[in-house]
Amino acid sequence: MGRALRVGIVGAGKISAQYSESFLRLPQVEVTAVADLDGARAGALAAQHAGARATSLASLLAADDVDVVLNLTIPAAHAEVALAAIAAGKHVYGEKPLAATTGEAREIVRAAGEAGVRVACAPDTVLGTGIQTARAVVDAGAIGAPHAATAFMVAPGHERWHGDPEFYYRPGGGPLLDMGPYYLTSLVHLLGPVRRVVGASSRAHATRTIAQGPRAGTQFDVEIDTHITGILEHESGALTTLIMSFDTWAATLPRIEVYGAAGSLSIPDPNHFDGAVRLFTGERPEWVDVPVSAGYLGAGRGYGVADLALALEAGVAHRASDDVALHVLHVMEAVQEAADVGARVEVTTSCARPLPVVGRVELAEDPGSGS
């Protein structure tokens, strides 16, 4: 590979530590600048990378040694920072979601197209060995033509562990927008885009109480529905049943399963990069573990940036694409709209299934203890 893709990080909050850890062992990327409203926090992150500097957002966007802006700001600021980076001629890689609304996300995609720069977006967990091995099984026809899937994310609520959980229970929060990108992006990789949805939602509690930390015992109002059920009709004709909940204490439901004419496939937690893939077929009617056959080995958050670097060098499409991120955001909004109005909602965006990661691919100089 030629020169590493030079990364300017905007936002040095909690998630930045995971990106930083990956970048330290990925030769495809080099952190050159960090900007954050908290200068000390920016300085601490920059100090982890030789030659990187803490700077202002304006200086980072104007810098000649920044090729891509890694946007790790809060969701409400995603569009503003992305559009500023695009206007400065930089590529953008953003944390999920691509923007706070589908309308803002469309503007990002439009602006990038006009500027001739690329936009990529998390989650990149789909590039790890878990989802990619599962996709290889589906694409090889091992379960026959897929006709259905189930996707479940259930939890009792973030107030049990988060010190400031109110955001998750206000407009813009909730289980679907919080965790849905991991599940829906995986479903797009496995089954392709969605063309229409139905949905219903409810809330089990009018208030929540913070369980730990300095604000333990603080009660706050729940302003949105916290249990959402949807049915997604994929363009392929496959139907996915989706449950996203902050109202469930425990469950034995699998994270994702895909059902085909000849068998079933159990898929690991899409919030992680690896995990066991299990196959059941009519020819062998028992669950068996599938050997890891595809995906980035030892992957962590930030591998989507390395994938972007490789794609730019090769002149091919990157996998964590803005089209997929826009579509996933639109599907989530459509499910919530369907729940609100009690009617089927058409999804007017679409995307191609991203290219698979073929085979077991090593990107890092020191992959650690990955798959």
Protein backbone atom coordinates (compact mmCIF):
# COMPACT_ATOMS: atom_id res chain seq x y z
CA MET A 1 0.00 0.00 0.00
CA GLY A 2 1.09 3.60 -0.62
CA ARG A 3 0.78 6.48 1.82
CA ALA A 4 -1.59 5.92 4.73
CA LEU A 5 -4.92 7.76 4.75
CA ARG A 6 -4.45 10.76 7.04
CA VAL A 7 -7.23 11.09 9.61
CA GLY A 8 -8.43 14.14 11.50
CA ILE A 9 -10.64 13.14 14.43
CA VAL A 10 -13.47 15.47 15.47
CA GLY A 11 -14.78 14.47 18.90
CA ALA A 12 -12.56 12.85 21.53
CA GLY A 13 -15.27 11.30 23.67
CA LYS A 14 -15.65 7.75 24.95
CA ILE A 15 -15.98 5.97 21.58
CA SER A 16 -12.75 7.58 20.31
CA ALA A 17 -10.69 5.26 22.51
CA GLN A 18 -11.81 2.22 20.52
CA TYR A 19 -10.97 3.89 17.21
CA SER A 20 -7.61 5.00 18.55
CA GLU A 21 -6.71 1.49 19.67
CA SER A 22 -7.43 0.14 16.19
CA PHE A 23 -5.59 2.93 14.39
CA LEU A 24 -2.42 2.26 16.38
CA ARG A 25 -2.12 -1.11 14.66
CA LEU A 26 -3.60 -0.34 11.22
CA PRO A 27 -0.92 0.75 8.70
CA GLN A 28 -3.64 1.92 6.30
CA VAL A 29 -4.46 4.97 8.47
CA GLU A 30 -2.53 7.69 10.31
CA VAL A 31 -4.03 10.11 12.83
CA THR A 32 -2.66 13.60 12.22
CA ALA A 33 -5.04 15.95 14.07
CA VAL A 34 -7.70 15.90 16.80
CA ALA A 35 -10.33 18.55 17.58
CA ASP A 36 -12.69 18.60 20.54
CA LEU A 37 -14.56 21.26 22.51
CA ASP A 38 -12.47 20.08 25.46
CA GLY A 39 -8.89 20.95 24.55
CA ALA A 40 -7.40 18.71 27.22
CA ARG A 41 -9.35 15.74 25.92
CA ALA A 42 -8.18 16.45 22.37
CA GLY A 43 -4.59 16.71 23.58
CA ALA A 44 -4.77 13.39 25.40
CA LEU A 45 -6.05 11.60 22.32
CA ALA A 46 -3.53 13.25 19.99
CA ALA A 47 -0.70 12.25 22.33
CA GLN A 48 -1.44 8.59 21.59
CA HIS A 49 -0.39 9.05 17.96
CA ALA A 50 3.14 10.12 16.99
CA GLY A 51 3.11 13.47 15.22
CA ALA A 52 -0.60 14.14 15.80
CA ARG A 53 -1.69 17.52 17.21
CA ALA A 54 -4.68 18.90 19.07
CA THR A 55 -6.26 21.75 17.14
CA SER A 56 -9.50 23.59 16.44
CA LEU A 57 -12.18 22.31 14.10
CA ALA A 58 -11.53 25.14 11.65
CA SER A 59 -7.81 24.40 11.56
CA LEU A 60 -8.40 20.68 11.17
CA LEU A 61 -10.72 21.25 8.21
CA ALA A 62 -8.18 23.57 6.56
CA ALA A 63 -5.20 21.29 7.14
CA ASP A 64 -3.29 19.88 4.18
CA ASP A 65 -2.38 16.74 6.13
CA VAL A 66 -5.99 15.60 6.73
CA ASP A 67 -7.53 13.41 4.02
CA VAL A 68 -10.58 12.18 5.91
CA VAL A 69 -12.52 13.63 8.83
CA LEU A 70 -13.58 11.04 11.40
CA ASN A 71 -16.79 12.49 12.81
CA LEU A 72 -17.27 11.22 16.39
CA THR A 73 -19.51 14.06 17.55
CA ILE A 74 -23.00 13.58 19.05
CA PRO A 75 -25.70 12.57 16.53
CA ALA A 76 -27.24 16.06 16.53
CA ALA A 77 -23.95 17.46 15.20
CA HIS A 78 -23.21 14.75 12.63
CA ALA A 79 -24.68 16.62 9.65
CA GLU A 80 -23.12 19.99 10.51
CA VAL A 81 -19.61 18.55 10.86
CA ALA A 82 -19.95 16.27 7.83
CA LEU A 83 -21.14 19.09 5.58
CA ALA A 84 -18.32 21.36 6.77
CA ALA A 85 -15.76 18.63 6.03
CA ILE A 86 -17.23 18.02 2.58
CA ALA A 87 -17.14 21.76 1.84
CA ALA A 88 -13.45 21.67 2.78
CA GLY A 89 -12.83 18.90 0.26
CA LYS A 90 -12.34 16.14 2.82
CA HIS A 91 -13.67 12.60 2.80
CA VAL A 92 -15.86 11.81 5.82
CA TYR A 93 -16.25 8.76 8.03
CA GLY A 94 -18.97 9.18 10.65
CA GLU A 95 -20.22 7.33 13.67
CA LYS A 96 -23.77 6.03 13.36
CA PRO A 97 -26.26 7.32 12.50
CA LEU A 98 -25.21 9.20 9.37
CA ALA A 99 -27.35 12.15 10.56
CA ALA A 100 -30.16 12.88 12.97
CA THR A 101 -32.79 12.66 10.22
CA THR A 102 -33.14 11.16 6.76
CA GLY A 103 -33.44 14.66 5.33
CA GLU A 104 -30.07 15.67 6.76
CA ALA A 105 -28.53 12.40 5.57
CA ARG A 106 -29.77 13.00 2.02
CA GLU A 107 -28.09 16.42 2.07
CA ILE A 108 -24.78 14.86 3.13
CA VAL A 109 -24.93 12.30 0.32
CA ARG A 110 -25.88 14.99 -2.22
CA ALA A 111 -23.10 17.35 -1.12
CA ALA A 112 -20.48 14.59 -1.23
CA GLY A 113 -21.52 13.61 -4.73
CA GLU A 114 -21.22 17.18 -5.96
CA ALA A 115 -17.86 17.65 -4.24
CA GLY A 116 -16.42 14.38 -5.50
CA VAL A 117 -15.51 13.11 -2.02
CA ARG A 118 -16.53 9.94 -0.24
CA VAL A 119 -18.70 9.51 2.82
CA ALA A 120 -18.55 6.36 4.91
CA CYS A 121 -20.41 5.53 8.11
CA ALA A 122 -20.40 3.11 11.02
CA PRO A 123 -21.22 0.47 11.98
CA ASP A 124 -18.25 -1.42 10.60
CA THR A 125 -18.94 -4.43 12.84
CA VAL A 126 -20.45 -6.00 9.70
CA LEU A 127 -16.95 -6.23 8.24
CA GLY A 128 -15.75 -8.63 10.95
CA THR A 129 -15.71 -12.39 10.77
CA GLY A 130 -19.15 -12.89 12.35
CA ILE A 131 -21.40 -11.22 9.77
CA GLN A 132 -19.05 -11.86 6.84
CA THR A 133 -18.85 -15.60 7.55
CA ALA A 134 -22.64 -15.68 7.84
CA ARG A 135 -22.97 -13.83 4.56
CA ALA A 136 -20.62 -16.28 2.86
CA VAL A 137 -22.87 -19.14 4.04
CA VAL A 138 -25.98 -17.39 2.69
CA ASP A 139 -24.32 -16.49 -0.62
CA ALA A 140 -23.06 -20.06 -1.06
CA GLY A 141 -26.67 -21.29 -0.93
CA ALA A 142 -26.18 -23.46 2.16
CA ILE A 143 -29.66 -22.57 3.50
CA GLY A 144 -31.28 -22.23 0.09
CA ALA A 145 -33.09 -19.07 -0.94
CA PRO A 146 -33.58 -16.90 2.20
CA HIS A 147 -37.24 -16.10 2.80
CA ALA A 148 -37.32 -14.77 6.37
CA ALA A 149 -35.24 -13.53 9.28
CA THR A 150 -35.61 -12.48 12.90
CA ALA A 151 -33.65 -9.71 14.63
CA PHE A 152 -33.93 -9.06 18.37
CA MET A 153 -32.26 -6.54 20.69
CA VAL A 154 -33.79 -6.55 24.16
CA ALA A 155 -32.56 -4.94 27.38
CA PRO A 156 -34.08 -3.59 30.61
CA GLY A 157 -32.84 -0.06 29.94
CA HIS A 158 -29.68 2.05 29.86
CA GLU A 159 -30.46 3.75 33.19
CA ARG A 160 -29.21 0.62 34.94
CA TRP A 161 -25.61 1.38 33.92
CA HIS A 162 -25.46 4.84 32.32
CA GLY A 163 -24.91 7.88 34.53
CA ASP A 164 -26.81 10.28 32.24
CA PRO A 165 -29.35 8.14 30.38
CA GLU A 166 -32.09 10.70 29.71
CA PHE A 167 -31.12 11.08 26.04
CA TYR A 168 -32.13 7.51 25.32
CA TYR A 169 -35.70 8.24 26.42
CA ARG A 170 -36.25 11.46 24.46
CA PRO A 171 -36.97 12.09 20.76
CA GLY A 172 -33.90 11.01 18.80
CA GLY A 173 -33.20 8.20 21.26
CA GLY A 174 -34.85 4.86 21.93
CA PRO A 175 -33.79 1.28 21.22
CA LEU A 176 -34.35 1.45 17.47
CA LEU A 177 -32.19 4.49 16.74
CA ASP A 178 -29.61 3.45 19.34
CA MET A 179 -29.03 -0.18 18.36
CA GLY A 180 -30.95 -0.54 15.11
CA PRO A 181 -28.02 0.46 12.86
CA TYR A 182 -26.06 -2.65 13.87
CA TYR A 183 -28.96 -4.98 13.15
CA LEU A 184 -30.32 -3.32 10.03
CA THR A 185 -26.89 -2.86 8.43
CA SER A 186 -26.25 -6.57 9.00
CA LEU A 187 -29.61 -7.43 7.45
CA VAL A 188 -28.77 -5.33 4.37
CA HIS A 189 -25.48 -7.24 3.99
CA LEU A 190 -27.29 -10.55 4.40
CA LEU A 191 -30.59 -10.00 2.60
CA GLY A 192 -30.36 -6.71 0.74
CA PRO A 193 -32.36 -3.46 1.08
CA VAL A 194 -35.89 -3.00 2.43
CA ARG A 195 -38.84 -1.71 0.37
CA ARG A 196 -41.66 -1.37 2.92
CA VAL A 197 -42.35 -1.81 6.62
CA VAL A 198 -45.09 -2.09 9.21
CA GLY A 199 -44.62 -1.38 12.91
CA ALA A 200 -46.10 -0.99 16.38
CA SER A 201 -44.63 0.42 19.58
CA SER A 202 -45.35 0.89 23.28
CA ARG A 203 -43.70 1.92 26.53
CA ALA A 204 -43.78 -0.07 29.77
CA HIS A 205 -42.82 2.78 32.12
CA ALA A 206 -43.76 6.45 32.33
CA THR A 207 -40.62 7.22 34.34
CA ARG A 208 -37.18 5.68 34.85
CA THR A 209 -34.71 5.87 37.75
CA ILE A 210 -30.93 6.07 37.42
CA ALA A 211 -29.47 3.04 39.19
CA GLN A 212 -25.83 3.96 39.81
CA GLY A 213 -23.30 6.76 39.86
CA PRO A 214 -23.51 10.21 41.43
CA ARG A 215 -27.06 10.69 40.15
CA ALA A 216 -28.38 7.34 41.45
CA GLY A 217 -32.00 7.63 42.49
CA THR A 218 -32.76 10.47 40.05
CA GLN A 219 -36.10 9.92 38.34
CA PHE A 220 -36.91 11.24 34.86
CA ASP A 221 -39.80 11.07 32.39
CA VAL A 222 -39.91 8.67 29.44
CA GLU A 223 -40.91 10.73 26.40
CA ILE A 224 -40.86 8.09 23.66
CA ASP A 225 -41.94 4.50 23.11
CA THR A 226 -39.33 2.01 24.29
CA HIS A 227 -40.53 -1.28 22.76
CA ILE A 228 -40.74 -1.33 18.96
CA THR A 229 -41.79 -4.22 16.74
CA GLY A 230 -41.50 -4.09 12.97
CA ILE A 231 -41.84 -6.29 9.92
CA LEU A 232 -39.46 -5.45 7.10
CA GLU A 233 -40.17 -6.53 3.55
CA HIS A 234 -36.88 -6.75 1.68
CA GLU A 235 -36.66 -6.10 -2.03
CA SER A 236 -35.77 -9.78 -2.39
CA GLY A 237 -39.15 -10.71 -0.88
CA ALA A 238 -37.67 -11.94 2.40
CA LEU A 239 -39.48 -10.83 5.56
CA THR A 240 -37.66 -9.82 8.75
CA THR A 241 -39.36 -9.64 12.14
CA LEU A 242 -37.66 -6.97 14.24
CA ILE A 243 -37.92 -6.32 18.00
CA MET A 244 -35.99 -3.49 19.67
CA SER A 245 -36.73 -3.03 23.37
CA PHE A 246 -35.62 -1.24 26.52
CA ASP A 247 -38.52 -2.91 28.36
CA THR A 248 -37.33 -6.52 28.59
CA TRP A 249 -35.44 -7.88 31.60
CA ALA A 250 -34.16 -11.04 29.93
CA ALA A 251 -34.76 -13.24 26.92
CA THR A 252 -33.43 -16.37 25.25
CA LEU A 253 -34.08 -15.03 21.76
CA PRO A 254 -31.15 -15.17 19.30
CA ARG A 255 -29.70 -11.91 18.03
CA ILE A 256 -30.32 -12.65 14.34
CA GLU A 257 -31.43 -15.76 12.49
CA VAL A 258 -31.95 -16.19 8.75
CA TYR A 259 -34.32 -18.85 7.41
CA GLY A 260 -33.99 -20.39 3.97
CA ALA A 261 -35.70 -23.08 1.93
CA ALA A 262 -33.03 -25.61 2.90
CA GLY A 263 -31.96 -24.57 6.39
CA SER A 264 -31.47 -21.95 9.08
CA LEU A 265 -28.54 -19.80 10.12
CA SER A 266 -27.85 -18.34 13.58
CA ILE A 267 -25.77 -15.15 13.52
CA PRO A 268 -23.78 -13.57 16.38
CA ASP A 269 -24.44 -10.23 18.06
CA PRO A 270 -24.03 -7.59 15.31
CA ASN A 271 -22.68 -5.13 17.90
CA HIS A 272 -19.50 -7.24 17.88
CA PHE A 273 -17.08 -8.07 15.09
CA ASP A 274 -16.85 -11.82 15.63
CA GLY A 275 -18.76 -14.65 17.26
CA ALA A 276 -20.12 -18.09 16.46
CA VAL A 277 -22.09 -18.67 13.28
CA ARG A 278 -24.28 -21.80 13.49
CA LEU A 279 -25.96 -23.74 10.69
CA PHE A 280 -28.92 -26.16 10.64
CA THR A 281 -29.96 -27.87 7.40
CA GLY A 282 -32.35 -30.53 6.28
CA GLU A 283 -29.39 -32.65 5.23
CA ARG A 284 -27.80 -32.31 8.67
CA PRO A 285 -30.62 -31.58 11.15
CA GLU A 286 -28.54 -30.35 14.06
CA TRP A 287 -26.89 -27.04 14.90
CA VAL A 288 -23.21 -27.01 13.95
CA ASP A 289 -20.62 -24.24 14.22
CA VAL A 290 -19.44 -22.83 10.90
CA PRO A 291 -15.65 -22.30 10.63
CA VAL A 292 -14.59 -18.68 10.18
CA SER A 293 -14.28 -18.21 6.42
CA ALA A 294 -14.55 -14.48 5.70
CA GLY A 295 -14.11 -11.03 7.19
CA TYR A 296 -11.42 -8.80 8.66
CA LEU A 297 -9.56 -10.73 11.34
CA GLY A 298 -9.22 -9.23 14.80
CA ALA A 299 -11.33 -6.26 13.73
CA GLY A 300 -12.40 -3.37 15.92
CA ARG A 301 -14.04 0.02 15.50
CA GLY A 302 -12.17 1.93 12.85
CA TYR A 303 -11.71 -0.94 10.42
CA GLY A 304 -14.25 0.77 8.19
CA VAL A 305 -11.77 3.67 7.86
CA ALA A 306 -9.04 1.24 6.80
CA ASP A 307 -11.49 -0.32 4.32
CA LEU A 308 -12.13 3.19 2.95
CA ALA A 309 -8.38 3.74 2.58
CA LEU A 310 -7.98 0.52 0.61
CA ALA A 311 -10.99 1.33 -1.56
CA LEU A 312 -9.67 4.80 -2.39
CA GLU A 313 -6.31 3.35 -3.38
CA ALA A 314 -7.92 0.67 -5.56
CA GLY A 315 -10.59 2.95 -7.00
CA VAL A 316 -13.43 0.67 -5.89
CA ALA A 317 -16.49 1.11 -3.69
CA HIS A 318 -15.97 1.14 0.07
CA ARG A 319 -18.18 -1.16 2.10
CA ALA A 320 -19.37 1.10 4.94
CA SER A 321 -21.09 3.28 2.37
CA ASP A 322 -23.23 6.38 2.73
CA ASP A 323 -25.94 4.74 0.60
CA VAL A 324 -26.29 1.91 3.13
CA ALA A 325 -26.21 4.33 6.07
CA LEU A 326 -28.87 6.55 4.48
CA HIS A 327 -31.07 3.55 3.73
CA VAL A 328 -30.73 2.14 7.24
CA LEU A 329 -31.65 5.50 8.78
CA HIS A 330 -34.67 5.78 6.48
CA VAL A 331 -35.82 2.25 7.36
CA MET A 332 -35.65 3.08 11.07
CA GLU A 333 -37.65 6.27 10.57
CA ALA A 334 -40.16 4.33 8.46
CA VAL A 335 -40.66 1.70 11.18
CA GLN A 336 -41.31 4.42 13.75
CA GLU A 337 -43.67 6.22 11.36
CA ALA A 338 -45.54 2.98 10.71
CA ALA A 339 -45.89 2.47 14.47
CA ASP A 340 -47.13 6.03 14.93
CA VAL A 341 -49.73 6.01 12.16
CA GLY A 342 -50.69 2.33 12.23
CA ALA A 343 -50.13 1.78 8.51
CA ARG A 344 -47.67 0.25 6.09
CA VAL A 345 -44.93 2.69 5.03
CA GLU A 346 -42.98 2.58 1.77
CA VAL A 347 -39.20 2.98 1.96
CA THR A 348 -38.15 5.28 -0.88
CA THR A 349 -34.38 4.86 -0.51
CA SER A 350 -32.44 1.82 -1.61
CA CYS A 351 -28.85 0.64 -1.86
CA ALA A 352 -26.78 -2.14 -3.30
CA ARG A 353 -25.51 -4.89 -1.05
CA PRO A 354 -21.91 -3.90 -0.28
CA LEU A 355 -19.12 -6.06 -1.64
CA PRO A 356 -18.34 -8.97 0.68
CA VAL A 357 -15.00 -9.32 2.43
CA VAL A 358 -13.83 -12.41 0.60
CA GLY A 359 -11.82 -14.82 2.71
CA ARG A 360 -10.07 -14.18 6.02
CA VAL A 361 -8.32 -10.84 5.61
CA GLU A 362 -5.57 -9.52 7.86
CA LEU A 363 -5.23 -5.71 7.98
CA ALA A 364 -3.50 -5.07 11.27
CA GLU A 365 0.18 -5.39 12.04
CA ASP A 366 -0.73 -6.92 15.41
CA PRO A 367 -4.29 -8.32 15.32
CA GLY A 368 -4.37 -9.20 18.98
CA SER A 369 -6.82 -11.89 20.03
CA GLY A 370 -9.42 -11.59 17.27
CA SER A 371 -11.06 -14.44 15.39
